[in-house]
C-alpha atoms as a PDB file:
ATOM      1  CA  MET A   1      26.110  -2.322  -2.108  1.00  0.00           C
ATOM      2  CA  PHE A   2      25.694  -1.657  -5.722  1.00  0.00           C
ATOM      3  CA  PRO A   3      28.336   0.337  -6.710  1.00  0.00           C
ATOM      4  CA  GLU A   4      27.100   1.001 -10.382  1.00  0.00           C
ATOM      5  CA  PHE A   5      23.971   2.640  -9.024  1.00  0.00           C
ATOM      6  CA  ALA A   6      23.917   6.304  -7.578  1.00  0.00           C
ATOM      7  CA  PRO A   7      20.332   6.429  -6.523  1.00  0.00           C
ATOM      8  CA  ALA A   8      18.628   9.823  -5.585  1.00  0.00           C
ATOM      9  CA  LEU A   9      15.445   9.521  -3.178  1.00  0.00           C
ATOM     10  CA  ILE A  10      12.879  12.315  -4.234  1.00  0.00           C
ATOM     11  CA  HIS A  11       9.769  12.550  -1.502  1.00  0.00           C
ATOM     12  CA  THR A  12       6.887  14.082  -3.399  1.00  0.00           C
ATOM     13  CA  GLY A  13       4.985  15.288  -0.046  1.00  0.00           C
ATOM     14  CA  GLN A  14       2.073  13.647  -0.958  1.00  0.00           C
ATOM     15  CA  HIS A  15       1.990  11.903   2.365  1.00  0.00           C
ATOM     16  CA  TYR A  16       2.988  14.977   4.617  1.00  0.00           C
ATOM     17  CA  ASP A  17       1.840  14.049   7.843  1.00  0.00           C
ATOM     18  CA  GLU A  18       4.839  13.728  10.165  1.00  0.00           C
ATOM     19  CA  LYS A  19       3.225  10.647  12.010  1.00  0.00           C
ATOM     20  CA  MET A  20       2.637   8.895   8.658  1.00  0.00           C
ATOM     21  CA  SER A  21       5.458  10.141   6.640  1.00  0.00           C
ATOM     22  CA  GLY A  22       8.326  11.400   8.448  1.00  0.00           C
ATOM     23  CA  GLN A  23       7.913   8.272  11.074  1.00  0.00           C
ATOM     24  CA  PHE A  24       7.906   5.820   8.090  1.00  0.00           C
ATOM     25  CA  PHE A  25      11.321   7.162   6.772  1.00  0.00           C
ATOM     26  CA  ARG A  26      13.017   6.584  10.411  1.00  0.00           C
ATOM     27  CA  ASP A  27      11.206   2.947  10.968  1.00  0.00           C
ATOM     28  CA  LEU A  28      12.608   1.966   7.474  1.00  0.00           C
ATOM     29  CA  GLY A  29      15.886   3.263   7.988  1.00  0.00           C
ATOM     30  CA  LEU A  30      15.498   5.621   4.877  1.00  0.00           C
ATOM     31  CA  PRO A  31      18.167   8.598   4.086  1.00  0.00           C
ATOM     32  CA  GLU A  32      16.753  12.097   3.920  1.00  0.00           C
ATOM     33  CA  PRO A  33      15.397  12.673   0.607  1.00  0.00           C
ATOM     34  CA  LEU A  34      17.384  14.476  -1.763  1.00  0.00           C
ATOM     35  CA  TYR A  35      14.395  16.328  -2.570  1.00  0.00           C
ATOM     36  CA  ASN A  36      11.191  17.208  -0.648  1.00  0.00           C
ATOM     37  CA  LEU A  37       8.926  18.535  -3.202  1.00  0.00           C
ATOM     38  CA  GLU A  38       6.305  19.554  -0.243  1.00  0.00           C
ATOM     39  CA  ALA A  39       3.363  19.159  -2.862  1.00  0.00           C
ATOM     40  CA  GLY A  40       0.722  18.656  -0.157  1.00  0.00           C
ATOM     41  CA  SER A  41      -2.935  18.044  -0.591  1.00  0.00           C
ATOM     42  CA  GLY A  42      -5.639  19.041  -2.734  1.00  0.00           C
ATOM     43  CA  SER A  43      -7.811  17.346  -5.721  1.00  0.00           C
ATOM     44  CA  HIS A  44      -6.445  14.756  -7.715  1.00  0.00           C
ATOM     45  CA  ALA A  45      -5.985  17.117 -10.346  1.00  0.00           C
ATOM     46  CA  GLN A  46      -4.370  19.937  -8.242  1.00  0.00           C
ATOM     47  CA  GLN A  47      -2.084  17.461  -6.451  1.00  0.00           C
ATOM     48  CA  THR A  48      -0.906  15.829  -9.853  1.00  0.00           C
ATOM     49  CA  ALA A  49       0.010  18.785 -11.353  1.00  0.00           C
ATOM     50  CA  GLU A  50       1.739  20.403  -8.252  1.00  0.00           C
ATOM     51  CA  ILE A  51       4.056  16.963  -8.252  1.00  0.00           C
ATOM     52  CA  MET A  52       4.302  17.293 -11.972  1.00  0.00           C
ATOM     53  CA  LYS A  53       5.515  20.948 -11.755  1.00  0.00           C
ATOM     54  CA  ARG A  54       7.735  20.627  -8.868  1.00  0.00           C
ATOM     55  CA  PHE A  55       9.230  17.153 -10.180  1.00  0.00           C
ATOM     56  CA  GLU A  56      10.256  18.265 -13.562  1.00  0.00           C
ATOM     57  CA  PRO A  57      12.902  20.678 -12.862  1.00  0.00           C
ATOM     58  CA  VAL A  58      14.566  17.921 -10.558  1.00  0.00           C
ATOM     59  CA  VAL A  59      14.799  15.824 -13.150  1.00  0.00           C
ATOM     60  CA  LEU A  60      16.185  18.619 -15.631  1.00  0.00           C
ATOM     61  CA  HIS A  61      18.551  18.724 -13.041  1.00  0.00           C
ATOM     62  CA  GLU A  62      19.658  15.479 -12.088  1.00  0.00           C
ATOM     63  CA  GLN A  63      19.563  13.902 -15.648  1.00  0.00           C
ATOM     64  CA  PRO A  64      18.761  10.222 -14.357  1.00  0.00           C
ATOM     65  CA  HIS A  65      19.026   7.104 -16.685  1.00  0.00           C
ATOM     66  CA  ALA A  66      15.635   6.009 -15.308  1.00  0.00           C
ATOM     67  CA  VAL A  67      12.967   7.321 -12.516  1.00  0.00           C
ATOM     68  CA  LEU A  68      11.685   4.309 -10.560  1.00  0.00           C
ATOM     69  CA  VAL A  69       7.970   5.175  -9.366  1.00  0.00           C
ATOM     70  CA  VAL A  70       6.144   2.648  -6.911  1.00  0.00           C
ATOM     71  CA  GLY A  71       2.523   1.693  -6.467  1.00  0.00           C
ATOM     72  CA  ASP A  72      -0.676   3.664  -7.502  1.00  0.00           C
ATOM     73  CA  VAL A  73      -0.973   6.980  -5.704  1.00  0.00           C
ATOM     74  CA  ASN A  74      -0.840  10.270  -7.342  1.00  0.00           C
ATOM     75  CA  SER A  75       2.710  10.800  -6.954  1.00  0.00           C
ATOM     76  CA  THR A  76       3.484   7.458  -9.137  1.00  0.00           C
ATOM     77  CA  ALA A  77       1.560   8.911 -12.346  1.00  0.00           C
ATOM     78  CA  ALA A  78       2.806  12.319 -12.155  1.00  0.00           C
ATOM     79  CA  CYS A  79       6.365  11.494 -11.933  1.00  0.00           C
ATOM     80  CA  ALA A  80       5.909   8.742 -14.653  1.00  0.00           C
ATOM     81  CA  LEU A  81       4.385  11.303 -17.114  1.00  0.00           C
ATOM     82  CA  VAL A  82       7.191  13.989 -16.161  1.00  0.00           C
ATOM     83  CA  ALA A  83       9.871  11.649 -16.772  1.00  0.00           C
ATOM     84  CA  LYS A  84       8.439   9.942 -19.851  1.00  0.00           C
ATOM     85  CA  LYS A  85       7.911  13.535 -21.373  1.00  0.00           C
ATOM     86  CA  LEU A  86      11.640  14.419 -20.900  1.00  0.00           C
ATOM     87  CA  ASN A  87      12.599  10.805 -22.307  1.00  0.00           C
ATOM     88  CA  VAL A  88      13.728   9.366 -19.265  1.00  0.00           C
ATOM     89  CA  ASN A  89      13.135   5.704 -18.910  1.00  0.00           C
ATOM     90  CA  VAL A  90      10.347   4.730 -16.221  1.00  0.00           C
ATOM     91  CA  ILE A  91      10.327   1.586 -14.037  1.00  0.00           C
ATOM     92  CA  HIS A  92       7.266   0.695 -12.442  1.00  0.00           C
ATOM     93  CA  VAL A  93       7.432  -1.286  -9.114  1.00  0.00           C
ATOM     94  CA  GLU A  94       3.996  -3.251  -8.407  1.00  0.00           C
ATOM     95  CA  ALA A  95       2.984  -2.999 -11.993  1.00  0.00           C
ATOM     96  CA  GLY A  96       0.252  -5.095 -13.491  1.00  0.00           C
ATOM     97  CA  LEU A  97      -2.309  -4.960 -10.756  1.00  0.00           C
ATOM     98  CA  ARG A  98      -5.796  -4.195 -11.567  1.00  0.00           C
ATOM     99  CA  SER A  99      -9.096  -3.915  -9.725  1.00  0.00           C
ATOM    100  CA  PHE A 100     -11.098  -3.450 -13.103  1.00  0.00           C
ATOM    101  CA  ASP A 101     -12.794  -0.576 -11.259  1.00  0.00           C
ATOM    102  CA  ARG A 102     -12.184   2.750 -12.976  1.00  0.00           C
ATOM    103  CA  SER A 103     -13.895   4.483 -10.490  1.00  0.00           C
ATOM    104  CA  MET A 104     -11.014   4.284  -8.324  1.00  0.00           C
ATOM    105  CA  PRO A 105      -8.557   6.805  -8.905  1.00  0.00           C
ATOM    106  CA  GLU A 106      -5.727   4.471  -8.150  1.00  0.00           C
ATOM    107  CA  GLU A 107      -6.652   2.322 -10.985  1.00  0.00           C
ATOM    108  CA  ILE A 108      -6.259   5.283 -13.523  1.00  0.00           C
ATOM    109  CA  ASN A 109      -3.023   5.789 -11.841  1.00  0.00           C
ATOM    110  CA  ARG A 110      -2.151   2.264 -12.573  1.00  0.00           C
ATOM    111  CA  LEU A 111      -3.148   2.258 -16.006  1.00  0.00           C
ATOM    112  CA  VAL A 112      -1.456   5.489 -16.759  1.00  0.00           C
ATOM    113  CA  THR A 113       1.873   4.447 -15.401  1.00  0.00           C
ATOM    114  CA  ASP A 114       1.854   0.958 -16.862  1.00  0.00           C
ATOM    115  CA  ALA A 115       1.143   2.164 -20.378  1.00  0.00           C
ATOM    116  CA  ILE A 116       4.046   4.418 -20.649  1.00  0.00           C
ATOM    117  CA  SER A 117       6.735   2.366 -18.369  1.00  0.00           C
ATOM    118  CA  ASP A 118       9.847   0.703 -19.811  1.00  0.00           C
ATOM    119  CA  LEU A 119      10.607  -1.540 -17.246  1.00  0.00           C
ATOM    120  CA  LEU A 120       7.643  -3.367 -15.159  1.00  0.00           C
ATOM    121  CA  LEU A 121       8.102  -5.115 -12.077  1.00  0.00           C
ATOM    122  CA  VAL A 122       5.340  -7.504 -11.028  1.00  0.00           C
ATOM    123  CA  THR A 123       4.505  -8.651  -7.706  1.00  0.00           C
ATOM    124  CA  GLU A 124       2.154 -11.484  -8.623  1.00  0.00           C
ATOM    125  CA  GLU A 125       0.700 -13.739 -11.450  1.00  0.00           C
ATOM    126  CA  SER A 126      -2.238 -11.548 -11.923  1.00  0.00           C
ATOM    127  CA  GLY A 127       0.017  -8.615 -12.884  1.00  0.00           C
ATOM    128  CA  LEU A 128       1.788 -10.942 -15.535  1.00  0.00           C
ATOM    129  CA  ARG A 129      -1.577 -12.011 -17.114  1.00  0.00           C
ATOM    130  CA  ASN A 130      -2.835  -8.322 -16.939  1.00  0.00           C
ATOM    131  CA  LEU A 131       0.010  -6.905 -18.971  1.00  0.00           C
ATOM    132  CA  GLN A 132       0.178  -9.704 -21.340  1.00  0.00           C
ATOM    133  CA  HIS A 133      -3.495  -9.221 -22.118  1.00  0.00           C
ATOM    134  CA  GLU A 134      -3.062  -5.426 -22.243  1.00  0.00           C
ATOM    135  CA  GLY A 135      -0.510  -6.116 -25.115  1.00  0.00           C
ATOM    136  CA  VAL A 136       2.743  -5.222 -23.136  1.00  0.00           C
ATOM    137  CA  SER A 137       5.852  -6.511 -24.550  1.00  0.00           C
ATOM    138  CA  PRO A 138       7.170  -9.536 -22.560  1.00  0.00           C
ATOM    139  CA  GLU A 139      10.959  -7.913 -22.856  1.00  0.00           C
ATOM    140  CA  LYS A 140       9.399  -5.242 -20.806  1.00  0.00           C
ATOM    141  CA  ILE A 141       8.176  -7.346 -17.874  1.00  0.00           C
ATOM    142  CA  ARG A 142       9.796  -8.760 -14.887  1.00  0.00           C
ATOM    143  CA  PHE A 143       8.228 -11.182 -12.026  1.00  0.00           C
ATOM    144  CA  VAL A 144      10.273 -10.183  -9.183  1.00  0.00           C
ATOM    145  CA  GLY A 145       8.044 -10.591  -6.267  1.00  0.00           C
ATOM    146  CA  ASN A 146       6.983  -8.262  -3.498  1.00  0.00           C
ATOM    147  CA  LEU A 147       9.022  -5.458  -2.329  1.00  0.00           C
ATOM    148  CA  MET A 148       6.804  -4.498   0.482  1.00  0.00           C
ATOM    149  CA  ILE A 149       7.201  -7.892   2.076  1.00  0.00           C
ATOM    150  CA  ASP A 150      10.885  -7.377   2.221  1.00  0.00           C
ATOM    151  CA  SER A 151       9.891  -4.480   4.240  1.00  0.00           C
ATOM    152  CA  LEU A 152       7.778  -6.469   6.498  1.00  0.00           C
ATOM    153  CA  TYR A 153      10.065  -9.313   7.485  1.00  0.00           C
ATOM    154  CA  TYR A 154      12.920  -6.410   7.887  1.00  0.00           C
ATOM    155  CA  GLN A 155      10.456  -4.674  10.499  1.00  0.00           C
ATOM    156  CA  LEU A 156       9.088  -7.929  11.936  1.00  0.00           C
ATOM    157  CA  GLU A 157      12.234  -8.472  14.204  1.00  0.00           C
ATOM    158  CA  ARG A 158      12.560  -4.736  15.210  1.00  0.00           C
ATOM    159  CA  SER A 159       8.596  -4.646  16.057  1.00  0.00           C
ATOM    160  CA  ARG A 160       9.232  -7.052  18.989  1.00  0.00           C
ATOM    161  CA  SER A 161      10.834  -3.997  20.844  1.00  0.00           C
ATOM    162  CA  SER A 162       7.827  -2.161  20.105  1.00  0.00           C
ATOM    163  CA  ARG A 163       5.700  -0.983  23.402  1.00  0.00           C
ATOM    164  CA  VAL A 164       2.528  -0.278  21.619  1.00  0.00           C
ATOM    165  CA  LEU A 165       0.797  -3.627  22.333  1.00  0.00           C
ATOM    166  CA  ASP A 166       1.725  -2.741  26.447  1.00  0.00           C
ATOM    167  CA  GLU A 167       0.402   0.832  25.813  1.00  0.00           C
ATOM    168  CA  MET A 168      -2.829  -0.445  24.618  1.00  0.00           C
ATOM    169  CA  GLY A 169      -3.265  -2.950  27.043  1.00  0.00           C
ATOM    170  CA  VAL A 170      -3.558  -5.786  24.730  1.00  0.00           C
ATOM    171  CA  ARG A 171      -0.614  -7.963  24.914  1.00  0.00           C
ATOM    172  CA  GLY A 172      -1.428 -11.513  25.219  1.00  0.00           C
ATOM    173  CA  LYS A 173      -5.033 -10.885  24.532  1.00  0.00           C
ATOM    174  CA  SER A 174      -7.496 -11.081  21.277  1.00  0.00           C
ATOM    175  CA  PHE A 175      -8.034  -7.694  19.236  1.00  0.00           C
ATOM    176  CA  GLY A 176      -8.852  -6.624  15.812  1.00  0.00           C
ATOM    177  CA  LEU A 177      -7.064  -3.680  13.937  1.00  0.00           C
ATOM    178  CA  ILE A 178      -8.887  -1.368  11.230  1.00  0.00           C
ATOM    179  CA  THR A 179      -7.507   1.085   8.596  1.00  0.00           C
ATOM    180  CA  LEU A 180      -9.574   2.940   6.612  1.00  0.00           C
ATOM    181  CA  HIS A 181      -8.692   5.672   4.146  1.00  0.00           C
ATOM    182  CA  ARG A 182     -10.045   5.453   0.634  1.00  0.00           C
ATOM    183  CA  PRO A 183     -12.193   8.353  -0.185  1.00  0.00           C
ATOM    184  CA  ALA A 184     -15.134   5.661  -1.135  1.00  0.00           C
ATOM    185  CA  ASN A 185     -15.228   4.408   2.288  1.00  0.00           C
ATOM    186  CA  VAL A 186     -14.721   7.893   4.344  1.00  0.00           C
ATOM    187  CA  ASP A 187     -16.090  10.679   2.401  1.00  0.00           C
ATOM    188  CA  GLU A 188     -19.436   9.622   1.936  1.00  0.00           C
ATOM    189  CA  PRO A 189     -21.305   9.784   5.404  1.00  0.00           C
ATOM    190  CA  ALA A 190     -23.918   7.216   4.857  1.00  0.00           C
ATOM    191  CA  GLN A 191     -21.414   4.854   3.446  1.00  0.00           C
ATOM    192  CA  LEU A 192     -18.914   5.207   6.504  1.00  0.00           C
ATOM    193  CA  GLN A 193     -21.955   4.905   8.957  1.00  0.00           C
ATOM    194  CA  GLN A 194     -22.289   1.431   7.212  1.00  0.00           C
ATOM    195  CA  LEU A 195     -18.856   0.389   8.074  1.00  0.00           C
ATOM    196  CA  LEU A 196     -18.848   1.509  11.325  1.00  0.00           C
ATOM    197  CA  ARG A 197     -22.234   0.131  12.446  1.00  0.00           C
ATOM    198  CA  ALA A 198     -20.734  -3.229  11.293  1.00  0.00           C
ATOM    199  CA  LEU A 199     -17.391  -2.892  13.110  1.00  0.00           C
ATOM    200  CA  GLN A 200     -18.931  -1.815  16.259  1.00  0.00           C
ATOM    201  CA  GLU A 201     -21.322  -4.882  16.118  1.00  0.00           C
ATOM    202  CA  ILE A 202     -18.346  -6.865  15.681  1.00  0.00           C
ATOM    203  CA  ALA A 203     -16.425  -4.935  18.455  1.00  0.00           C
ATOM    204  CA  ALA A 204     -19.228  -6.055  20.789  1.00  0.00           C
ATOM    205  CA  ASP A 205     -18.609  -9.345  19.895  1.00  0.00           C
ATOM    206  CA  SER A 206     -15.763  -9.526  22.527  1.00  0.00           C
ATOM    207  CA  LEU A 207     -13.440  -8.279  20.340  1.00  0.00           C
ATOM    208  CA  PRO A 208     -12.053  -5.088  20.785  1.00  0.00           C
ATOM    209  CA  LEU A 209     -10.772  -3.109  17.736  1.00  0.00           C
ATOM    210  CA  LEU A 210      -7.836  -0.921  17.562  1.00  0.00           C
ATOM    211  CA  PHE A 211      -8.296   1.997  14.906  1.00  0.00           C
ATOM    212  CA  PRO A 212      -5.271   4.241  14.061  1.00  0.00           C
ATOM    213  CA  VAL A 213      -7.000   6.860  12.251  1.00  0.00           C
ATOM    214  CA  HIS A 214      -5.885   8.216   8.889  1.00  0.00           C
ATOM    215  CA  PRO A 215      -5.896  12.276   8.877  1.00  0.00           C
ATOM    216  CA  ARG A 216      -8.615  12.226   6.156  1.00  0.00           C
ATOM    217  CA  THR A 217     -10.685   9.895   7.956  1.00  0.00           C
ATOM    218  CA  ARG A 218     -10.073  11.714  11.562  1.00  0.00           C
ATOM    219  CA  ALA A 219     -12.489  14.586  10.498  1.00  0.00           C
ATOM    220  CA  ARG A 220     -15.332  12.164   8.913  1.00  0.00           C
ATOM    221  CA  LEU A 221     -15.373  10.286  12.297  1.00  0.00           C
ATOM    222  CA  GLN A 222     -16.066  13.372  14.350  1.00  0.00           C
ATOM    223  CA  GLU A 223     -19.346  13.539  12.775  1.00  0.00           C
ATOM    224  CA  GLN A 224     -20.133   9.771  13.798  1.00  0.00           C
ATOM    225  CA  GLN A 225     -21.319   8.331  17.148  1.00  0.00           C
ATOM    226  CA  LEU A 226     -18.818   5.640  18.059  1.00  0.00           C
ATOM    227  CA  ALA A 227     -19.193   3.191  20.534  1.00  0.00           C
ATOM    228  CA  ASN A 228     -16.472   2.497  23.184  1.00  0.00           C
ATOM    229  CA  SER A 229     -15.443  -0.601  21.663  1.00  0.00           C
ATOM    230  CA  LEU A 230     -13.771   1.114  19.101  1.00  0.00           C
ATOM    231  CA  TYR A 231     -10.470   2.269  20.186  1.00  0.00           C
ATOM    232  CA  LEU A 232      -9.352   5.426  18.258  1.00  0.00           C
ATOM    233  CA  MET A 233      -5.442   6.064  17.950  1.00  0.00           C
ATOM    234  CA  GLU A 234      -3.099   8.308  16.431  1.00  0.00           C
ATOM    235  CA  PRO A 235      -1.393   7.290  13.011  1.00  0.00           C
ATOM    236  CA  LEU A 236       1.217   5.073  14.048  1.00  0.00           C
ATOM    237  CA  GLY A 237       4.918   4.588  12.570  1.00  0.00           C
ATOM    238  CA  TYR A 238       5.403   1.281  10.677  1.00  0.00           C
ATOM    239  CA  THR A 239       7.120  -0.532  13.130  1.00  0.00           C
ATOM    240  CA  ASP A 240       4.392  -0.232  15.574  1.00  0.00           C
ATOM    241  CA  PHE A 241       1.810  -1.054  13.187  1.00  0.00           C
ATOM    242  CA  VAL A 242       3.584  -4.139  12.396  1.00  0.00           C
ATOM    243  CA  ALA A 243       3.867  -5.065  15.970  1.00  0.00           C
ATOM    244  CA  LEU A 244      -0.135  -4.605  16.230  1.00  0.00           C
ATOM    245  CA  MET A 245      -0.766  -6.333  12.774  1.00  0.00           C
ATOM    246  CA  SER A 246       1.419  -9.312  13.525  1.00  0.00           C
ATOM    247  CA  HIS A 247      -0.535 -10.136  16.946  1.00  0.00           C
ATOM    248  CA  ALA A 248      -3.991  -9.260  15.629  1.00  0.00           C
ATOM    249  CA  ALA A 249      -6.871 -12.008  15.445  1.00  0.00           C
ATOM    250  CA  VAL A 250      -8.132 -10.180  12.303  1.00  0.00           C
ATOM    251  CA  VAL A 251      -7.521  -6.975  10.379  1.00  0.00           C
ATOM    252  CA  PHE A 252     -10.433  -4.857   8.739  1.00  0.00           C
ATOM    253  CA  THR A 253      -8.700  -2.835   6.078  1.00  0.00           C
ATOM    254  CA  ASP A 254      -9.383  -1.005   2.351  1.00  0.00           C
ATOM    255  CA  SER A 255      -5.766  -0.896   1.752  1.00  0.00           C
ATOM    256  CA  GLY A 256      -3.833  -2.956  -0.684  1.00  0.00           C
ATOM    257  CA  GLY A 257      -0.852  -2.965   1.181  1.00  0.00           C
ATOM    258  CA  VAL A 258      -2.558  -4.514   4.348  1.00  0.00           C
ATOM    259  CA  GLN A 259      -4.097  -6.980   2.355  1.00  0.00           C
ATOM    260  CA  GLU A 260      -0.611  -8.316   0.945  1.00  0.00           C
ATOM    261  CA  GLU A 261       0.993  -7.782   4.826  1.00  0.00           C
ATOM    262  CA  THR A 262      -1.470  -9.921   6.336  1.00  0.00           C
ATOM    263  CA  THR A 263      -1.203 -12.614   3.633  1.00  0.00           C
ATOM    264  CA  ALA A 264       2.405 -12.980   4.454  1.00  0.00           C
ATOM    265  CA  LEU A 265       1.903 -12.665   8.082  1.00  0.00           C
ATOM    266  CA  GLY A 266      -1.051 -15.665   8.089  1.00  0.00           C
ATOM    267  CA  ILE A 267      -3.337 -12.959   9.781  1.00  0.00           C
ATOM    268  CA  PRO A 268      -6.894 -13.487   8.516  1.00  0.00           C
ATOM    269  CA  CYS A 269      -7.917 -10.140   6.860  1.00  0.00           C
ATOM    270  CA  LEU A 270     -11.367  -8.706   5.582  1.00  0.00           C
ATOM    271  CA  THR A 271     -11.049  -6.260   3.180  1.00  0.00           C
ATOM    272  CA  LEU A 272     -14.080  -3.456   3.008  1.00  0.00           C
ATOM    273  CA  ARG A 273     -14.143  -3.209  -0.435  1.00  0.00           C
ATOM    274  CA  ASN A 274     -16.123  -4.837  -3.425  1.00  0.00           C
ATOM    275  CA  ASN A 275     -12.936  -5.875  -5.296  1.00  0.00           C
ATOM    276  CA  THR A 276      -9.253  -6.156  -5.033  1.00  0.00           C
ATOM    277  CA  GLU A 277      -6.283  -5.495  -7.207  1.00  0.00           C
ATOM    278  CA  ARG A 278      -4.342  -8.295  -5.393  1.00  0.00           C
ATOM    279  CA  PRO A 279      -6.302 -11.247  -6.242  1.00  0.00           C
ATOM    280  CA  ILE A 280      -3.861 -13.551  -4.951  1.00  0.00           C
ATOM    281  CA  THR A 281      -4.361 -12.607  -1.424  1.00  0.00           C
ATOM    282  CA  VAL A 282      -7.755 -13.959  -1.815  1.00  0.00           C
ATOM    283  CA  ASP A 283      -6.908 -17.105  -3.816  1.00  0.00           C
ATOM    284  CA  GLN A 284      -3.823 -18.072  -2.006  1.00  0.00           C
ATOM    285  CA  GLY A 285      -3.617 -15.968   1.042  1.00  0.00           C
ATOM    286  CA  THR A 286      -5.858 -14.994   4.245  1.00  0.00           C
ATOM    287  CA  ASN A 287      -7.858 -12.152   2.643  1.00  0.00           C
ATOM    288  CA  ARG A 288     -11.568 -12.261   2.166  1.00  0.00           C
ATOM    289  CA  LEU A 289     -13.696  -9.556   0.081  1.00  0.00           C
ATOM    290  CA  ALA A 290     -16.316  -8.528   2.804  1.00  0.00           C
ATOM    291  CA  GLY A 291     -17.865  -5.816   0.716  1.00  0.00           C
ATOM    292  CA  THR A 292     -19.028  -2.302   2.048  1.00  0.00           C
ATOM    293  CA  THR A 293     -22.298  -2.719   3.465  1.00  0.00           C
ATOM    294  CA  TYR A 294     -23.533  -3.366   6.859  1.00  0.00           C
ATOM    295  CA  GLU A 295     -25.020  -6.844   6.112  1.00  0.00           C
ATOM    296  CA  SER A 296     -22.055  -8.119   3.841  1.00  0.00           C
ATOM    297  CA  ILE A 297     -19.584  -7.219   6.472  1.00  0.00           C
ATOM    298  CA  LEU A 298     -21.057  -9.083   9.112  1.00  0.00           C
ATOM    299  CA  ARG A 299     -21.633 -12.201   6.896  1.00  0.00           C
ATOM    300  CA  ALA A 300     -17.986 -12.133   5.996  1.00  0.00           C
ATOM    301  CA  TRP A 301     -17.010 -12.032   9.545  1.00  0.00           C
ATOM    302  CA  GLN A 302     -19.237 -15.038  10.669  1.00  0.00           C
ATOM    303  CA  GLU A 303     -18.092 -16.943   7.916  1.00  0.00           C
ATOM    304  CA  MET A 304     -14.408 -16.152   8.468  1.00  0.00           C
ATOM    305  CA  LYS A 305     -15.065 -17.214  12.175  1.00  0.00           C
ATOM    306  CA  LYS A 306     -16.716 -20.556  11.000  1.00  0.00           C
ATOM    307  CA  ASN A 307     -14.069 -21.053   8.393  1.00  0.00           C
ATOM    308  CA  PRO A 308     -10.735 -19.442   9.497  1.00  0.00           C
ATOM    309  CA  PRO A 309      -8.666 -18.914   6.268  1.00  0.00           C
ATOM    310  CA  ALA A 310      -5.569 -21.089   5.806  1.00  0.00           C
ATOM    311  CA  GLY A 311      -3.345 -19.156   3.535  1.00  0.00           C
ATOM    312  CA  LYS A 312       0.057 -19.738   1.781  1.00  0.00           C
ATOM    313  CA  ILE A 313       2.641 -17.233   1.149  1.00  0.00           C
ATOM    314  CA  PRO A 314       2.718 -16.802  -2.563  1.00  0.00           C
ATOM    315  CA  GLN A 315       5.726 -17.132  -5.000  1.00  0.00           C
ATOM    316  CA  PHE A 316       8.480 -14.560  -4.586  1.00  0.00           C
ATOM    317  CA  TRP A 317       7.248 -13.168  -1.664  1.00  0.00           C
ATOM    318  CA  ASP A 318      10.357 -14.505   0.058  1.00  0.00           C
ATOM    319  CA  GLY A 319      11.965 -11.106   1.424  1.00  0.00           C
ATOM    320  CA  GLU A 320      14.404 -11.345  -1.435  1.00  0.00           C
ATOM    321  CA  ALA A 321      12.600  -9.230  -3.907  1.00  0.00           C
ATOM    322  CA  ALA A 322      14.979  -6.227  -3.611  1.00  0.00           C
ATOM    323  CA  GLN A 323      17.698  -8.189  -5.166  1.00  0.00           C
ATOM    324  CA  ARG A 324      15.688  -9.392  -8.160  1.00  0.00           C
ATOM    325  CA  CYS A 325      14.813  -5.804  -8.713  1.00  0.00           C
ATOM    326  CA  VAL A 326      18.189  -4.844  -8.679  1.00  0.00           C
ATOM    327  CA  GLU A 327      19.285  -7.466 -11.078  1.00  0.00           C
ATOM    328  CA  ALA A 328      16.084  -6.628 -13.569  1.00  0.00           C
ATOM    329  CA  ILE A 329      17.203  -2.739 -13.429  1.00  0.00           C
ATOM    330  CA  ARG A 330      21.003  -3.481 -14.123  1.00  0.00           C
ATOM    331  CA  THR A 331      19.998  -5.589 -17.028  1.00  0.00           C
ATOM    332  CA  ALA A 332      17.635  -3.000 -18.430  1.00  0.00           C
ATOM    333  CA  LEU A 333      20.059   0.347 -17.762  1.00  0.00           C
ATOM    334  CA  ALA A 334      23.036  -1.530 -19.099  1.00  0.00           C
ATOM    335  CA  PRO A 335      23.185  -0.142 -22.374  1.00  0.00           C
ATOM    336  CA  ALA A 336      22.134   3.348 -21.084  1.00  0.00           C
ATOM    337  CA  SER A 337      24.638   3.343 -18.103  1.00  0.00           C
ATOM    338  CA  SER A 338      27.527   2.038 -20.501  1.00  0.00           C
ATOM    339  CA  GLY A 339      26.965   5.158 -23.085  1.00  0.00           C
END
């Protein structure tokens, strides 16, 4: 479709669980990666260092005009650092998002990556304001919209053939959906206990809650006593997850991406955090910050039941963000590619 580009897909292996990585590649129709670095897990320092060590030879061999990184994970910052130190242009998708909470590892990754990027592709207006406030040159910034919503709309049609609603016995019924994975929520037993107490009380309020369990969360859950109203599931592929999310009465999450997807779908979302780097999902969308305590979550739940959010779709969350990204990259790389 774009003959002037010869993209090479690199899988760092930061997310390596087959049901959360391999299945996503298949669901999204992605080609096999040209390289799989198989970096694996470890502390933030270990994982970031391992990715850098394995990515550097790839860049030296491929000699790309640019390295495009997405989001705010360790892979994002690690690959951006490698590219920049080798004098390769860095393009950051989802640039400018800020939670203003530097205790979050993701926030550090965002700040580092944006500081060294040559082209910053922004999903929402807060990203523009943040980058301008940080002194980023306007020539480097492009407001393109949300690529994740492109993927969501693509999967929405495919999700209609998913059987997960029937398999879970919830087709035509009211249910909620949970995702939890952030270390601040799941690694501290006392904190996780507060979340689970609140969620189990909500589930007892005639709303069964389906909980596809992230691998890092499952080990922690084994230490907790869970009520039968929480239905633990294996991690889902993206198509099945979209099928559940698009039919849910409410979603409880600590994921930034799920905040965006529920806003695009018009599904009420209670974010189990005290802040969000995606404020447009609260200002315009269907998302509410519920906090992380037993009391705050139940209070947000009651408020949501009384006043269900009537959100709207933010600007450029229209399924056409990819085309705007391509145009921005084409313009930015024109001098390099013609040289």
